[in-house]
C-alpha cells in the first residue's frame, strides 16, 4: 500500500511540472554566402535554464536537442550549401529563466536573461563583432503560459543573432585565443572613460568617442541663464539632439534619453543610468506596450531589428523586445556596443 501511495505521489509531481522545448528550426542561411564555418561555444557555467510558475504548476524550459555545439554547427551546414571565406564564432554566455517580483508589484514577472556574442576568427585571433545582452520581461496579465512566450523568444533571438553575425563588421582590437573567455575585460582595458579618473568635458557624437574620451570640438551645448541645457550647437548653429550621444560638463556625463538627460554614473561593472524601459523606448509612455504577439512569440524580423539596432546605435536606444515595464533600475551601457543592458 505504501508503495502505491509513493508511486501516486511521484506521478503527481511529474504531472505538476510542464516542459517547454526550445526548437531551433528556423532558417540561418547566409544569403551572401560569405561564411565558411560557424563555431558555437556554449560558455554557460550552468546549463540548466530554469523553471517558472505557470498558474499552480511550474514549467521548465530546455532545448529540444541539448548537444548545442553539434546541433548548431550542423544546423549551419545544413542551411548553407554554398560556403564563403569567413569563420564566424558565436558564444552563448548566459541563458536563464526565472520569476522575479519587482518592488511595489503584487505579482512576479517571468523573465529571460540571455547574453550572446559573436566574433570573426582568423587563425588564432578573434575579432569582436557584436553582442546581445538583455532581460526579456513577460507580462503576467496578458500571457497565460509564460513558458510558451519565452521559449520561442530564445529560439528567435538565437536564430536572428546568428544570421546577423554573418554581416557584422569587426570592432576593436583582436583577442588572442587564450583570452576569448575573458574577451570583455580584455577589450575594456583600453577604454579611457572606464579607466581614467576624470572625464573630458565636451560633446560626444557616439559611444565609441565617449569611451575613447574623444569629444568633438565642433559641437557644444547651449544653456539658459539657470544653467539648463536648451540646445546643441554645431559650429555655432543649432542642430538636432540626435547628433549627440552624451555630453560631459564639469567632469560629469549626461546621457540623452527620450525623456531628457540622465546622469551617467559608474561602478565596477561600467557606466549606467537609473531609469526604466518605458522611459528609454521611443513612444513608450505607457507601461502596457507589448512588442509582437503575446502568445505566439515575436516574429523573427522584429527580433532581428531589435538586435541590430543595439549595435553601434547613435544614442543607445535599442528597440524593445517583450514587455516595456515601468520598473526603474540601473540600466548599464554596453561598453562594446553602446546598447542598453537591462538587469530587471
C-alpha atoms as a PDB file:
ATOM      1  CA  UNK A   1       0.000   0.000   0.000  1.00  0.00           C
ATOM      2  CA  UNK A   2       2.817   2.396   0.896  1.00  0.00           C
ATOM      3  CA  UNK A   3       4.485   1.676  -2.434  1.00  0.00           C
ATOM      4  CA  UNK A   4       1.262   2.545  -4.273  1.00  0.00           C
ATOM      5  CA  UNK A   5       0.905   5.848  -2.383  1.00  0.00           C
ATOM      6  CA  UNK A   6       4.540   6.772  -3.098  1.00  0.00           C
ATOM      7  CA  UNK A   7       4.066   5.893  -6.766  1.00  0.00           C
ATOM      8  CA  UNK A   8       0.957   8.089  -6.980  1.00  0.00           C
ATOM      9  CA  UNK A   9       2.735  10.965  -5.250  1.00  0.00           C
ATOM     10  CA  UNK A  10       5.655  10.639  -7.658  1.00  0.00           C
ATOM     11  CA  UNK A  11       3.276  10.543 -10.630  1.00  0.00           C
ATOM     12  CA  UNK A  12       1.511  13.697  -9.444  1.00  0.00           C
ATOM     13  CA  UNK A  13       4.847  15.501  -9.018  1.00  0.00           C
ATOM     14  CA  UNK A  14       5.739  14.635 -12.597  1.00  0.00           C
ATOM     15  CA  UNK A  15       2.421  15.909 -13.913  1.00  0.00           C
ATOM     16  CA  UNK A  16       2.710  19.141 -11.913  1.00  0.00           C
ATOM     17  CA  UNK A  17       5.744  20.342 -13.887  1.00  0.00           C
ATOM     18  CA  UNK A  18       5.382  21.265 -17.525  1.00  0.00           C
ATOM     19  CA  UNK A  19       8.237  21.201 -20.007  1.00  0.00           C
ATOM     20  CA  UNK A  20       8.504  23.633 -22.905  1.00  0.00           C
ATOM     21  CA  UNK A  21      11.073  22.869 -25.596  1.00  0.00           C
ATOM     22  CA  UNK A  22      13.224  25.421 -27.409  1.00  0.00           C
ATOM     23  CA  UNK A  23      13.138  24.326 -31.045  1.00  0.00           C
ATOM     24  CA  UNK A  24      15.951  25.708 -33.184  1.00  0.00           C
ATOM     25  CA  UNK A  25      14.443  25.033 -36.576  1.00  0.00           C
ATOM     26  CA  UNK A  26      14.489  28.446 -38.252  1.00  0.00           C
ATOM     27  CA  UNK A  27      16.486  29.306 -41.356  1.00  0.00           C
ATOM     28  CA  UNK A  28      20.065  30.514 -40.738  1.00  0.00           C
ATOM     29  CA  UNK A  29      21.176  30.714 -44.347  1.00  0.00           C
ATOM     30  CA  UNK A  30      23.864  33.281 -45.155  1.00  0.00           C
ATOM     31  CA  UNK A  31      22.225  34.952 -48.152  1.00  0.00           C
ATOM     32  CA  UNK A  32      25.540  36.380 -49.342  1.00  0.00           C
ATOM     33  CA  UNK A  33      27.439  33.082 -48.923  1.00  0.00           C
ATOM     34  CA  UNK A  34      30.361  34.817 -47.217  1.00  0.00           C
ATOM     35  CA  UNK A  35      30.652  32.476 -44.221  1.00  0.00           C
ATOM     36  CA  UNK A  36      32.796  29.358 -44.394  1.00  0.00           C
ATOM     37  CA  UNK A  37      32.144  27.998 -40.916  1.00  0.00           C
ATOM     38  CA  UNK A  38      30.142  28.642 -37.778  1.00  0.00           C
ATOM     39  CA  UNK A  39      31.725  27.585 -34.494  1.00  0.00           C
ATOM     40  CA  UNK A  40      29.459  27.552 -31.468  1.00  0.00           C
ATOM     41  CA  UNK A  41      30.814  27.934 -27.932  1.00  0.00           C
ATOM     42  CA  UNK A  42      28.477  27.167 -25.043  1.00  0.00           C
ATOM     43  CA  UNK A  43      30.190  29.153 -22.311  1.00  0.00           C
ATOM     44  CA  UNK A  44      27.417  28.936 -19.708  1.00  0.00           C
ATOM     45  CA  UNK A  45      28.618  27.955 -16.265  1.00  0.00           C
ATOM     46  CA  UNK A  46      25.233  26.332 -15.578  1.00  0.00           C
ATOM     47  CA  UNK A  47      23.430  24.550 -18.425  1.00  0.00           C
ATOM     48  CA  UNK A  48      20.120  24.346 -16.533  1.00  0.00           C
ATOM     49  CA  UNK A  49      17.926  27.113 -17.965  1.00  0.00           C
ATOM     50  CA  UNK A  50      15.401  27.222 -15.118  1.00  0.00           C
ATOM     51  CA  UNK A  51      11.750  26.950 -14.140  1.00  0.00           C
ATOM     52  CA  UNK A  52       8.959  29.492 -13.858  1.00  0.00           C
ATOM     53  CA  UNK A  53       5.452  29.446 -12.408  1.00  0.00           C
ATOM     54  CA  UNK A  54       2.532  28.506 -14.644  1.00  0.00           C
ATOM     55  CA  UNK A  55      -0.608  29.032 -12.565  1.00  0.00           C
ATOM     56  CA  UNK A  56      -0.480  26.337  -9.849  1.00  0.00           C
ATOM     57  CA  UNK A  57       2.249  24.394 -11.610  1.00  0.00           C
ATOM     58  CA  UNK A  58       5.836  25.017 -12.605  1.00  0.00           C
ATOM     59  CA  UNK A  59       7.284  24.939 -16.085  1.00  0.00           C
ATOM     60  CA  UNK A  60      10.807  24.113 -17.185  1.00  0.00           C
ATOM     61  CA  UNK A  61      12.298  25.374 -20.428  1.00  0.00           C
ATOM     62  CA  UNK A  62      15.019  23.368 -22.124  1.00  0.00           C
ATOM     63  CA  UNK A  63      16.458  22.776 -25.573  1.00  0.00           C
ATOM     64  CA  UNK A  64      14.923  20.105 -27.786  1.00  0.00           C
ATOM     65  CA  UNK A  65      18.482  18.965 -28.514  1.00  0.00           C
ATOM     66  CA  UNK A  66      20.834  19.724 -25.624  1.00  0.00           C
ATOM     67  CA  UNK A  67      24.005  18.901 -27.549  1.00  0.00           C
ATOM     68  CA  UNK A  68      24.049  22.528 -28.657  1.00  0.00           C
ATOM     69  CA  UNK A  69      27.511  22.666 -30.201  1.00  0.00           C
ATOM     70  CA  UNK A  70      26.992  19.820 -32.647  1.00  0.00           C
ATOM     71  CA  UNK A  71      23.379  20.739 -33.287  1.00  0.00           C
ATOM     72  CA  UNK A  72      24.050  24.413 -34.140  1.00  0.00           C
ATOM     73  CA  UNK A  73      27.167  23.734 -36.208  1.00  0.00           C
ATOM     74  CA  UNK A  74      25.303  21.063 -38.219  1.00  0.00           C
ATOM     75  CA  UNK A  75      22.310  23.417 -38.464  1.00  0.00           C
ATOM     76  CA  UNK A  76      24.596  25.926 -40.182  1.00  0.00           C
ATOM     77  CA  UNK A  77      25.982  23.322 -42.597  1.00  0.00           C
ATOM     78  CA  UNK A  78      22.515  22.051 -43.496  1.00  0.00           C
ATOM     79  CA  UNK A  79      21.268  25.567 -44.286  1.00  0.00           C
ATOM     80  CA  UNK A  80      24.424  26.717 -46.092  1.00  0.00           C
ATOM     81  CA  UNK A  81      25.492  24.558 -49.009  1.00  0.00           C
ATOM     82  CA  UNK A  82      27.498  27.342 -50.671  1.00  0.00           C
ATOM     83  CA  UNK A  83      30.275  28.489 -48.343  1.00  0.00           C
ATOM     84  CA  UNK A  84      32.451  31.607 -48.301  1.00  0.00           C
ATOM     85  CA  UNK A  85      35.765  32.585 -46.702  1.00  0.00           C
ATOM     86  CA  UNK A  86      34.981  33.893 -43.211  1.00  0.00           C
ATOM     87  CA  UNK A  87      34.934  31.932 -39.967  1.00  0.00           C
ATOM     88  CA  UNK A  88      32.280  33.112 -37.514  1.00  0.00           C
ATOM     89  CA  UNK A  89      32.215  32.204 -33.832  1.00  0.00           C
ATOM     90  CA  UNK A  90      29.047  32.559 -31.757  1.00  0.00           C
ATOM     91  CA  UNK A  91      29.240  32.306 -27.976  1.00  0.00           C
ATOM     92  CA  UNK A  92      26.311  31.711 -25.642  1.00  0.00           C
ATOM     93  CA  UNK A  93      27.304  33.182 -22.279  1.00  0.00           C
ATOM     94  CA  UNK A  94      24.096  33.280 -20.255  1.00  0.00           C
ATOM     95  CA  UNK A  95      20.624  31.790 -20.587  1.00  0.00           C
ATOM     96  CA  UNK A  96      18.266  31.740 -17.611  1.00  0.00           C
ATOM     97  CA  UNK A  97      14.531  31.950 -16.964  1.00  0.00           C
ATOM     98  CA  UNK A  98      13.158  32.892 -13.559  1.00  0.00           C
ATOM     99  CA  UNK A  99      10.336  34.614 -11.707  1.00  0.00           C
ATOM    100  CA  UNK A 100      11.160  37.946 -10.129  1.00  0.00           C
ATOM    101  CA  UNK A 101       8.904  40.190  -8.096  1.00  0.00           C
ATOM    102  CA  UNK A 102       9.745  43.845  -8.575  1.00  0.00           C
ATOM    103  CA  UNK A 103       9.287  46.483  -5.915  1.00  0.00           C
ATOM    104  CA  UNK A 104       5.715  47.725  -5.394  1.00  0.00           C
ATOM    105  CA  UNK A 105       4.280  44.895  -7.520  1.00  0.00           C
ATOM    106  CA  UNK A 106       1.688  42.393  -6.316  1.00  0.00           C
ATOM    107  CA  UNK A 107       2.797  39.565  -8.575  1.00  0.00           C
ATOM    108  CA  UNK A 108       6.059  38.204 -10.011  1.00  0.00           C
ATOM    109  CA  UNK A 109       7.155  38.589 -13.615  1.00  0.00           C
ATOM    110  CA  UNK A 110       8.558  35.703 -15.658  1.00  0.00           C
ATOM    111  CA  UNK A 111      11.874  36.838 -17.118  1.00  0.00           C
ATOM    112  CA  UNK A 112      14.508  35.659 -19.537  1.00  0.00           C
ATOM    113  CA  UNK A 113      18.182  36.617 -19.246  1.00  0.00           C
ATOM    114  CA  UNK A 114      20.182  35.980 -22.408  1.00  0.00           C
ATOM    115  CA  UNK A 115      23.669  37.015 -23.444  1.00  0.00           C
ATOM    116  CA  UNK A 116      25.299  36.111 -26.759  1.00  0.00           C
ATOM    117  CA  UNK A 117      28.414  37.383 -28.526  1.00  0.00           C
ATOM    118  CA  UNK A 118      29.871  36.922 -31.990  1.00  0.00           C
ATOM    119  CA  UNK A 119      33.422  37.039 -33.330  1.00  0.00           C
ATOM    120  CA  UNK A 120      35.308  36.775 -36.572  1.00  0.00           C
ATOM    121  CA  UNK A 121      38.148  34.263 -36.306  1.00  0.00           C
ATOM    122  CA  UNK A 122      41.383  34.498 -38.249  1.00  0.00           C
ATOM    123  CA  UNK A 123      43.868  31.752 -37.406  1.00  0.00           C
ATOM    124  CA  UNK A 124      44.279  32.064 -33.597  1.00  0.00           C
ATOM    125  CA  UNK A 125      42.896  35.588 -33.298  1.00  0.00           C
ATOM    126  CA  UNK A 126      39.330  36.627 -32.567  1.00  0.00           C
ATOM    127  CA  UNK A 127      37.769  39.962 -33.533  1.00  0.00           C
ATOM    128  CA  UNK A 128      34.670  41.074 -31.681  1.00  0.00           C
ATOM    129  CA  UNK A 129      31.625  41.789 -33.856  1.00  0.00           C
ATOM    130  CA  UNK A 130      28.507  42.108 -31.710  1.00  0.00           C
ATOM    131  CA  UNK A 131      26.688  41.202 -28.530  1.00  0.00           C
ATOM    132  CA  UNK A 132      23.097  40.857 -27.353  1.00  0.00           C
ATOM    133  CA  UNK A 133      22.798  41.129 -23.583  1.00  0.00           C
ATOM    134  CA  UNK A 134      19.403  41.729 -22.062  1.00  0.00           C
ATOM    135  CA  UNK A 135      16.483  40.666 -19.900  1.00  0.00           C
ATOM    136  CA  UNK A 136      13.148  39.954 -21.608  1.00  0.00           C
ATOM    137  CA  UNK A 137      10.084  40.505 -19.410  1.00  0.00           C
ATOM    138  CA  UNK A 138       6.784  38.645 -19.749  1.00  0.00           C
ATOM    139  CA  UNK A 139       3.583  40.414 -18.653  1.00  0.00           C
ATOM    140  CA  UNK A 140       1.589  38.006 -16.431  1.00  0.00           C
ATOM    141  CA  UNK A 141      -1.653  39.938 -17.013  1.00  0.00           C
ATOM    142  CA  UNK A 142      -1.588  39.259 -20.736  1.00  0.00           C
ATOM    143  CA  UNK A 143       0.312  35.970 -21.023  1.00  0.00           C
ATOM    144  CA  UNK A 144      -1.436  32.835 -19.785  1.00  0.00           C
ATOM    145  CA  UNK A 145       1.518  30.450 -20.070  1.00  0.00           C
ATOM    146  CA  UNK A 146       4.836  32.365 -19.820  1.00  0.00           C
ATOM    147  CA  UNK A 147       6.934  29.408 -20.959  1.00  0.00           C
ATOM    148  CA  UNK A 148       5.067  29.434 -24.287  1.00  0.00           C
ATOM    149  CA  UNK A 149       6.064  33.068 -24.712  1.00  0.00           C
ATOM    150  CA  UNK A 150       9.692  32.789 -23.590  1.00  0.00           C
ATOM    151  CA  UNK A 151      10.769  29.550 -25.315  1.00  0.00           C
ATOM    152  CA  UNK A 152      10.074  30.929 -28.834  1.00  0.00           C
ATOM    153  CA  UNK A 153      11.816  34.151 -27.797  1.00  0.00           C
ATOM    154  CA  UNK A 154      15.000  32.192 -27.095  1.00  0.00           C
ATOM    155  CA  UNK A 155      14.794  30.381 -30.430  1.00  0.00           C
ATOM    156  CA  UNK A 156      14.095  33.587 -32.375  1.00  0.00           C
ATOM    157  CA  UNK A 157      16.844  35.575 -30.635  1.00  0.00           C
ATOM    158  CA  UNK A 158      19.435  32.865 -31.266  1.00  0.00           C
ATOM    159  CA  UNK A 159      18.332  32.444 -34.885  1.00  0.00           C
ATOM    160  CA  UNK A 160      18.390  36.151 -35.691  1.00  0.00           C
ATOM    161  CA  UNK A 161      21.636  36.746 -33.828  1.00  0.00           C
ATOM    162  CA  UNK A 162      23.379  34.012 -35.838  1.00  0.00           C
ATOM    163  CA  UNK A 163      22.011  35.371 -39.131  1.00  0.00           C
ATOM    164  CA  UNK A 164      23.084  38.924 -38.319  1.00  0.00           C
ATOM    165  CA  UNK A 165      26.556  37.688 -37.337  1.00  0.00           C
ATOM    166  CA  UNK A 166      27.284  36.938 -40.996  1.00  0.00           C
ATOM    167  CA  UNK A 167      27.203  40.633 -41.861  1.00  0.00           C
ATOM    168  CA  UNK A 168      28.548  42.439 -38.773  1.00  0.00           C
ATOM    169  CA  UNK A 169      31.752  44.396 -39.193  1.00  0.00           C
ATOM    170  CA  UNK A 170      34.695  43.876 -36.874  1.00  0.00           C
ATOM    171  CA  UNK A 171      35.078  46.333 -33.992  1.00  0.00           C
ATOM    172  CA  UNK A 172      38.034  46.815 -31.695  1.00  0.00           C
ATOM    173  CA  UNK A 173      41.403  45.126 -31.438  1.00  0.00           C
ATOM    174  CA  UNK A 174      41.990  41.420 -31.816  1.00  0.00           C
ATOM    175  CA  UNK A 175      41.625  38.994 -28.928  1.00  0.00           C
ATOM    176  CA  UNK A 176      44.180  36.168 -28.510  1.00  0.00           C
ATOM    177  CA  UNK A 177      42.654  32.707 -28.467  1.00  0.00           C
ATOM    178  CA  UNK A 178      43.624  32.162 -24.832  1.00  0.00           C
ATOM    179  CA  UNK A 179      41.640  35.307 -23.856  1.00  0.00           C
ATOM    180  CA  UNK A 180      38.391  34.533 -25.679  1.00  0.00           C
ATOM    181  CA  UNK A 181      36.587  33.542 -22.471  1.00  0.00           C
ATOM    182  CA  UNK A 182      37.727  36.815 -20.938  1.00  0.00           C
ATOM    183  CA  UNK A 183      37.173  38.980 -24.034  1.00  0.00           C
ATOM    184  CA  UNK A 184      35.096  41.683 -22.322  1.00  0.00           C
ATOM    185  CA  UNK A 185      37.730  42.538 -19.727  1.00  0.00           C
ATOM    186  CA  UNK A 186      40.497  42.160 -22.297  1.00  0.00           C
ATOM    187  CA  UNK A 187      38.954  44.733 -24.659  1.00  0.00           C
ATOM    188  CA  UNK A 188      37.659  47.095 -21.971  1.00  0.00           C
ATOM    189  CA  UNK A 189      41.123  47.684 -20.538  1.00  0.00           C
ATOM    190  CA  UNK A 190      41.766  50.057 -23.445  1.00  0.00           C
ATOM    191  CA  UNK A 191      38.735  52.288 -22.820  1.00  0.00           C
ATOM    192  CA  UNK A 192      39.876  55.592 -21.356  1.00  0.00           C
ATOM    193  CA  UNK A 193      36.437  56.523 -19.994  1.00  0.00           C
ATOM    194  CA  UNK A 194      36.366  53.417 -17.828  1.00  0.00           C
ATOM    195  CA  UNK A 195      39.984  53.542 -16.703  1.00  0.00           C
ATOM    196  CA  UNK A 196      40.634  57.288 -16.374  1.00  0.00           C
ATOM    197  CA  UNK A 197      39.747  59.032 -13.144  1.00  0.00           C
ATOM    198  CA  UNK A 198      38.351  62.183 -14.787  1.00  0.00           C
ATOM    199  CA  UNK A 199      36.202  62.585 -17.908  1.00  0.00           C
ATOM    200  CA  UNK A 200      36.914  65.217 -20.545  1.00  0.00           C
ATOM    201  CA  UNK A 201      34.312  67.956 -20.897  1.00  0.00           C
ATOM    202  CA  UNK A 202      32.646  68.268 -24.285  1.00  0.00           C
ATOM    203  CA  UNK A 203      30.086  66.744 -26.651  1.00  0.00           C
ATOM    204  CA  UNK A 204      30.394  63.137 -27.846  1.00  0.00           C
ATOM    205  CA  UNK A 205      28.657  62.024 -31.030  1.00  0.00           C
ATOM    206  CA  UNK A 206      28.729  58.295 -30.297  1.00  0.00           C
ATOM    207  CA  UNK A 207      29.569  55.882 -27.520  1.00  0.00           C
ATOM    208  CA  UNK A 208      32.959  54.985 -29.022  1.00  0.00           C
ATOM    209  CA  UNK A 209      34.009  58.601 -28.900  1.00  0.00           C
ATOM    210  CA  UNK A 210      32.926  58.724 -25.268  1.00  0.00           C
ATOM    211  CA  UNK A 211      34.707  55.538 -24.232  1.00  0.00           C
ATOM    212  CA  UNK A 212      37.855  56.682 -26.048  1.00  0.00           C
ATOM    213  CA  UNK A 213      37.429  60.150 -24.499  1.00  0.00           C
ATOM    214  CA  UNK A 214      37.452  61.961 -27.831  1.00  0.00           C
ATOM    215  CA  UNK A 215      34.899  64.805 -27.677  1.00  0.00           C
ATOM    216  CA  UNK A 216      34.023  66.537 -30.950  1.00  0.00           C
ATOM    217  CA  UNK A 217      35.282  70.123 -30.722  1.00  0.00           C
ATOM    218  CA  UNK A 218      32.857  71.251 -33.452  1.00  0.00           C
ATOM    219  CA  UNK A 219      29.913  70.658 -31.117  1.00  0.00           C
ATOM    220  CA  UNK A 220      28.904  72.441 -27.926  1.00  0.00           C
ATOM    221  CA  UNK A 221      25.863  72.611 -25.650  1.00  0.00           C
ATOM    222  CA  UNK A 222      23.714  75.702 -25.202  1.00  0.00           C
ATOM    223  CA  UNK A 223      22.445  76.698 -21.735  1.00  0.00           C
ATOM    224  CA  UNK A 224      19.961  79.204 -20.412  1.00  0.00           C
ATOM    225  CA  UNK A 225      20.597  81.613 -17.512  1.00  0.00           C
ATOM    226  CA  UNK A 226      19.639  78.912 -14.999  1.00  0.00           C
ATOM    227  CA  UNK A 227      22.279  76.569 -16.380  1.00  0.00           C
ATOM    228  CA  UNK A 228      19.798  74.192 -18.022  1.00  0.00           C
ATOM    229  CA  UNK A 229      20.803  72.701 -21.366  1.00  0.00           C
ATOM    230  CA  UNK A 230      18.487  74.072 -24.052  1.00  0.00           C
ATOM    231  CA  UNK A 231      20.146  73.033 -27.287  1.00  0.00           C
ATOM    232  CA  UNK A 232      23.045  71.594 -29.254  1.00  0.00           C
ATOM    233  CA  UNK A 233      25.317  73.656 -31.487  1.00  0.00           C
ATOM    234  CA  UNK A 234      27.478  72.574 -34.404  1.00  0.00           C
ATOM    235  CA  UNK A 235      29.984  75.270 -35.316  1.00  0.00           C
ATOM    236  CA  UNK A 236      27.676  77.779 -33.642  1.00  0.00           C
ATOM    237  CA  UNK A 237      24.495  76.692 -35.470  1.00  0.00           C
ATOM    238  CA  UNK A 238      21.552  74.899 -33.827  1.00  0.00           C
ATOM    239  CA  UNK A 239      21.297  71.213 -34.696  1.00  0.00           C
ATOM    240  CA  UNK A 240      19.198  68.278 -33.543  1.00  0.00           C
ATOM    241  CA  UNK A 241      19.939  66.473 -30.282  1.00  0.00           C
ATOM    242  CA  UNK A 242      20.025  63.278 -32.361  1.00  0.00           C
ATOM    243  CA  UNK A 243      23.610  64.193 -33.350  1.00  0.00           C
ATOM    244  CA  UNK A 244      24.730  63.820 -29.723  1.00  0.00           C
ATOM    245  CA  UNK A 245      25.338  60.658 -27.739  1.00  0.00           C
ATOM    246  CA  UNK A 246      26.153  62.413 -24.475  1.00  0.00           C
ATOM    247  CA  UNK A 247      27.972  65.413 -23.088  1.00  0.00           C
ATOM    248  CA  UNK A 248      30.359  65.885 -20.177  1.00  0.00           C
ATOM    249  CA  UNK A 249      30.196  69.051 -18.111  1.00  0.00           C
ATOM    250  CA  UNK A 250      32.289  69.596 -15.006  1.00  0.00           C
ATOM    251  CA  UNK A 251      33.559  66.026 -15.218  1.00  0.00           C
ATOM    252  CA  UNK A 252      30.039  64.545 -15.118  1.00  0.00           C
ATOM    253  CA  UNK A 253      28.495  62.740 -18.100  1.00  0.00           C
ATOM    254  CA  UNK A 254      24.857  63.167 -19.130  1.00  0.00           C
ATOM    255  CA  UNK A 255      23.140  60.726 -21.494  1.00  0.00           C
ATOM    256  CA  UNK A 256      20.435  61.811 -23.906  1.00  0.00           C
ATOM    257  CA  UNK A 257      17.174  59.827 -23.487  1.00  0.00           C
ATOM    258  CA  UNK A 258      13.629  60.357 -24.835  1.00  0.00           C
ATOM    259  CA  UNK A 259      12.644  61.957 -21.516  1.00  0.00           C
ATOM    260  CA  UNK A 260      15.654  64.243 -21.129  1.00  0.00           C
ATOM    261  CA  UNK A 261      19.232  63.953 -19.884  1.00  0.00           C
ATOM    262  CA  UNK A 262      20.185  61.334 -17.284  1.00  0.00           C
ATOM    263  CA  UNK A 263      23.461  61.420 -15.423  1.00  0.00           C
ATOM    264  CA  UNK A 264      25.780  58.556 -16.286  1.00  0.00           C
ATOM    265  CA  UNK A 265      27.320  57.042 -13.193  1.00  0.00           C
ATOM    266  CA  UNK A 266      29.981  54.373 -12.945  1.00  0.00           C
ATOM    267  CA  UNK A 267      30.633  51.328 -10.792  1.00  0.00           C
ATOM    268  CA  UNK A 268      32.794  48.237 -11.196  1.00  0.00           C
ATOM    269  CA  UNK A 269      30.516  46.951 -13.984  1.00  0.00           C
ATOM    270  CA  UNK A 270      30.677  50.107 -16.073  1.00  0.00           C
ATOM    271  CA  UNK A 271      28.546  53.158 -16.815  1.00  0.00           C
ATOM    272  CA  UNK A 272      24.826  53.171 -16.109  1.00  0.00           C
ATOM    273  CA  UNK A 273      21.791  55.417 -15.820  1.00  0.00           C
ATOM    274  CA  UNK A 274      18.906  54.927 -13.410  1.00  0.00           C
ATOM    275  CA  UNK A 275      15.746  54.629 -15.499  1.00  0.00           C
ATOM    276  CA  UNK A 276      13.147  52.213 -16.928  1.00  0.00           C
ATOM    277  CA  UNK A 277      12.236  50.646 -20.253  1.00  0.00           C
ATOM    278  CA  UNK A 278       9.214  52.864 -20.611  1.00  0.00           C
ATOM    279  CA  UNK A 279      11.454  55.944 -20.388  1.00  0.00           C
ATOM    280  CA  UNK A 280      14.014  54.687 -22.889  1.00  0.00           C
ATOM    281  CA  UNK A 281      11.885  53.303 -25.691  1.00  0.00           C
ATOM    282  CA  UNK A 282      10.701  55.920 -28.141  1.00  0.00           C
ATOM    283  CA  UNK A 283       6.983  56.495 -27.745  1.00  0.00           C
ATOM    284  CA  UNK A 284       6.850  54.246 -24.679  1.00  0.00           C
ATOM    285  CA  UNK A 285       4.753  56.353 -22.313  1.00  0.00           C
ATOM    286  CA  UNK A 286       2.529  53.546 -21.108  1.00  0.00           C
ATOM    287  CA  UNK A 287       3.789  50.511 -19.230  1.00  0.00           C
ATOM    288  CA  UNK A 288       1.482  48.150 -21.110  1.00  0.00           C
ATOM    289  CA  UNK A 289       3.210  48.175 -24.500  1.00  0.00           C
ATOM    290  CA  UNK A 290       3.936  44.736 -25.907  1.00  0.00           C
ATOM    291  CA  UNK A 291       6.078  44.200 -28.985  1.00  0.00           C
ATOM    292  CA  UNK A 292       4.912  41.287 -31.109  1.00  0.00           C
ATOM    293  CA  UNK A 293       2.362  38.601 -30.398  1.00  0.00           C
ATOM    294  CA  UNK A 294       1.878  37.789 -26.727  1.00  0.00           C
ATOM    295  CA  UNK A 295       1.158  34.091 -27.051  1.00  0.00           C
ATOM    296  CA  UNK A 296       2.847  33.220 -30.313  1.00  0.00           C
ATOM    297  CA  UNK A 297       6.215  34.834 -29.781  1.00  0.00           C
ATOM    298  CA  UNK A 298       7.784  37.747 -31.616  1.00  0.00           C
ATOM    299  CA  UNK A 299       8.282  37.482 -35.382  1.00  0.00           C
ATOM    300  CA  UNK A 300      11.927  36.970 -36.295  1.00  0.00           C
ATOM    301  CA  UNK A 301      12.081  40.188 -38.293  1.00  0.00           C
ATOM    302  CA  UNK A 302      11.232  42.252 -35.220  1.00  0.00           C
ATOM    303  CA  UNK A 303      13.782  40.407 -33.110  1.00  0.00           C
ATOM    304  CA  UNK A 304      16.395  40.939 -35.807  1.00  0.00           C
ATOM    305  CA  UNK A 305      15.617  44.649 -35.932  1.00  0.00           C
ATOM    306  CA  UNK A 306      15.911  44.881 -32.151  1.00  0.00           C
ATOM    307  CA  UNK A 307      19.259  43.086 -32.059  1.00  0.00           C
ATOM    308  CA  UNK A 308      20.654  45.057 -34.987  1.00  0.00           C
ATOM    309  CA  UNK A 309      19.578  48.401 -33.558  1.00  0.00           C
ATOM    310  CA  UNK A 310      21.608  47.652 -30.442  1.00  0.00           C
ATOM    311  CA  UNK A 311      24.866  47.521 -32.364  1.00  0.00           C
ATOM    312  CA  UNK A 312      26.629  50.859 -32.689  1.00  0.00           C
ATOM    313  CA  UNK A 313      23.432  52.898 -32.215  1.00  0.00           C
ATOM    314  CA  UNK A 314      23.734  56.689 -32.312  1.00  0.00           C
ATOM    315  CA  UNK A 315      22.300  57.073 -28.818  1.00  0.00           C
ATOM    316  CA  UNK A 316      21.925  53.557 -27.440  1.00  0.00           C
ATOM    317  CA  UNK A 317      18.159  53.459 -27.989  1.00  0.00           C
ATOM    318  CA  UNK A 318      17.797  49.793 -28.792  1.00  0.00           C
ATOM    319  CA  UNK A 319      14.264  48.807 -29.761  1.00  0.00           C
ATOM    320  CA  UNK A 320      12.249  46.794 -27.279  1.00  0.00           C
ATOM    321  CA  UNK A 321      11.616  43.080 -27.044  1.00  0.00           C
ATOM    322  CA  UNK A 322       8.973  41.919 -24.621  1.00  0.00           C
ATOM    323  CA  UNK A 323       7.099  43.887 -22.004  1.00  0.00           C
ATOM    324  CA  UNK A 324       8.122  47.514 -21.532  1.00  0.00           C
ATOM    325  CA  UNK A 325       7.783  47.762 -17.785  1.00  0.00           C
ATOM    326  CA  UNK A 326       7.968  50.920 -15.694  1.00  0.00           C
ATOM    327  CA  UNK A 327      10.336  49.274 -13.207  1.00  0.00           C
ATOM    328  CA  UNK A 328      13.292  51.587 -12.552  1.00  0.00           C
ATOM    329  CA  UNK A 329      16.765  50.178 -12.001  1.00  0.00           C
ATOM    330  CA  UNK A 330      20.384  50.622 -13.035  1.00  0.00           C
ATOM    331  CA  UNK A 331      20.476  50.272 -16.824  1.00  0.00           C
ATOM    332  CA  UNK A 332      24.039  49.665 -17.970  1.00  0.00           C
ATOM    333  CA  UNK A 333      25.578  50.828 -21.219  1.00  0.00           C
ATOM    334  CA  UNK A 334      27.331  48.036 -23.078  1.00  0.00           C
ATOM    335  CA  UNK A 335      30.981  49.034 -23.371  1.00  0.00           C
ATOM    336  CA  UNK A 336      31.357  47.121 -26.648  1.00  0.00           C
ATOM    337  CA  UNK A 337      28.146  48.029 -28.491  1.00  0.00           C
ATOM    338  CA  UNK A 338      26.729  51.089 -26.747  1.00  0.00           C
ATOM    339  CA  UNK A 339      23.352  49.374 -26.264  1.00  0.00           C
ATOM    340  CA  UNK A 340      21.358  49.409 -23.044  1.00  0.00           C
ATOM    341  CA  UNK A 341      21.632  46.364 -20.791  1.00  0.00           C
ATOM    342  CA  UNK A 342      18.625  45.800 -18.543  1.00  0.00           C
ATOM    343  CA  UNK A 343      19.020  43.696 -15.433  1.00  0.00           C
ATOM    344  CA  UNK A 344      15.430  43.895 -14.174  1.00  0.00           C
END
